[in-house]
Protein backbone atom coordinates (compact mmCIF):
# COMPACT_ATOMS: atom_id res chain seq x y z
CA GLY A 1 108.80 103.88 100.44
CA TYR A 2 105.38 103.93 98.74
CA LEU A 3 105.04 107.73 98.76
CA ALA A 4 108.52 108.11 97.32
CA PHE A 5 107.59 105.65 94.57
CA LYS A 6 104.45 107.67 93.74
CA GLU A 7 106.54 110.83 93.40
CA LEU A 8 108.85 109.36 90.74
CA PRO A 9 108.23 110.98 87.36
CA ARG A 10 106.61 108.71 84.81
CA PRO A 11 106.46 109.33 81.08
CA HIS A 12 103.09 110.56 79.86
CA LEU A 13 102.15 109.81 76.29
CA THR A 14 99.67 112.40 75.13
CA ARG A 15 97.36 111.58 72.30
CA SER A 16 97.04 114.22 69.66
CA GLU A 17 94.36 114.87 67.11
CA LEU A 18 94.89 113.83 63.53
CA ARG A 19 95.00 116.83 61.20
CA LEU A 20 93.33 115.99 57.88
CA VAL A 21 93.15 119.41 56.21
CA ASP A 22 94.99 122.64 56.88
CA ASP A 23 94.38 125.22 54.17
CA GLU A 24 93.16 128.78 53.73
CA ARG A 25 89.56 127.73 54.44
CA GLY A 26 90.35 126.21 57.81
CA VAL A 27 91.58 123.18 59.68
CA VAL A 28 89.97 119.74 59.99
CA ASP A 29 91.10 117.72 62.99
CA VAL A 30 89.83 114.29 64.02
CA ALA A 31 89.88 113.26 67.68
CA PRO A 32 91.60 109.95 68.47
CA ARG A 33 88.44 108.59 70.10
CA ALA A 34 86.46 109.15 66.89
CA ILE A 35 88.91 107.00 64.95
CA GLU A 36 88.79 104.32 67.64
CA ARG A 37 84.98 104.23 67.71
CA ALA A 38 84.75 103.81 63.93
CA VAL A 39 87.06 100.78 64.06
CA GLU A 40 85.40 99.31 67.16
CA GLY A 41 82.00 99.50 65.51
CA ALA A 42 83.34 97.75 62.43
CA ALA A 43 84.81 94.93 64.54
CA LEU A 44 81.56 94.43 66.47
CA GLU A 45 79.65 93.78 63.22
CA TYR A 46 80.89 90.18 63.39
CA ASP A 47 78.84 87.79 65.51
CA ALA A 48 81.90 86.05 66.89
CA VAL A 49 83.36 89.29 68.28
CA GLN A 50 81.98 89.87 71.78
CA ASN A 51 83.98 92.97 72.69
CA ALA A 52 86.29 95.37 70.86
CA ALA A 53 88.56 98.15 72.08
CA ALA A 54 90.72 100.21 69.74
CA ARG A 55 93.67 102.44 70.55
CA TYR A 56 94.96 105.03 68.09
CA ALA A 57 98.61 106.03 68.14
CA THR A 58 100.22 108.47 65.75
CA ASP A 59 101.57 105.75 63.48
CA GLU A 60 99.38 102.67 64.13
CA LEU A 61 96.01 101.43 65.28
CA THR A 62 95.59 98.56 67.74
CA VAL A 63 92.32 96.65 68.06
CA ASN A 64 91.82 94.29 71.00
CA ILE A 65 88.96 91.83 70.55
CA SER A 66 87.26 89.18 72.64
CA VAL A 67 85.81 86.30 70.63
CA SER A 68 83.29 83.51 71.20
CA ARG A 69 84.41 81.00 68.52
CA ALA A 70 87.95 79.72 68.53
CA ARG A 71 87.49 77.65 65.38
CA ALA A 72 86.98 80.71 63.18
CA LEU A 73 89.74 82.76 64.82
CA PRO A 74 92.09 83.17 61.81
CA ASP A 75 89.21 84.30 59.61
CA ILE A 76 87.96 86.69 62.29
CA LEU A 77 91.39 88.30 62.70
CA ARG A 78 91.75 88.82 58.95
CA ALA A 79 88.20 90.14 58.63
CA VAL A 80 88.55 92.61 61.51
CA CYS A 81 91.83 93.91 60.08
CA ALA A 82 90.31 94.30 56.60
CA GLN A 83 87.20 95.97 58.02
CA ALA A 84 89.37 98.42 59.99
CA HIS A 85 91.25 99.40 56.83
CA GLU A 86 87.94 99.79 55.00
CA GLN A 87 86.53 102.07 57.72
CA LEU A 88 89.63 104.25 57.60
CA ALA A 89 89.17 104.64 53.84
CA VAL A 90 85.41 105.27 54.09
CA HIS A 91 85.94 108.10 56.57
CA GLY A 92 88.78 109.68 54.60
CA LEU A 93 91.44 108.82 57.16
CA PRO A 94 94.99 107.82 56.25
CA ASP A 95 95.66 104.11 55.98
CA LEU A 96 97.52 103.06 59.12
CA PRO A 97 98.98 99.71 60.10
CA VAL A 98 96.31 97.81 62.07
CA ASN A 99 97.27 95.32 64.77
CA VAL A 100 94.50 92.97 65.91
CA THR A 101 95.00 91.16 69.22
CA VAL A 102 92.77 88.58 70.87
CA THR A 103 92.43 89.54 74.52
CA GLY A 104 89.69 87.15 75.56
CA PHE A 105 87.71 84.07 74.73
CA GLN A 106 84.13 83.81 75.97
CA ARG A 107 82.48 80.50 75.29
CA THR A 108 78.77 81.01 74.62
CA GLN A 109 77.73 77.46 75.53
CA ARG A 110 79.12 76.01 78.72
CA ARG A 111 79.21 72.31 79.49
CA GLU A 112 78.66 70.84 82.91
CA LEU A 113 80.72 67.91 84.02
CA ALA A 114 78.70 65.22 85.74
């Protein structure tokens, strides 16, 4: 049963590099991880963002964040999205749709119940 399940073919989504320039002087390709790191670094600039993980697909960019303040969540989501778009522009990358998802909440101050 289990070995037969492991042998079933599963789709594999390969990630391809983003080609920025292709002319007579050469080709400029950007690795997907480089795009993800630029956006992750931008998201981590905010104090309320504890962790950030980005995933580049050919037509969108997804950023998963873990936050420490629930009260400022709407502002954080908007700011991370805007910062991601800004980083794409700064690095000369095409503007992609950016999806920001909260994947965790880590309270910095814990209360003890007596």
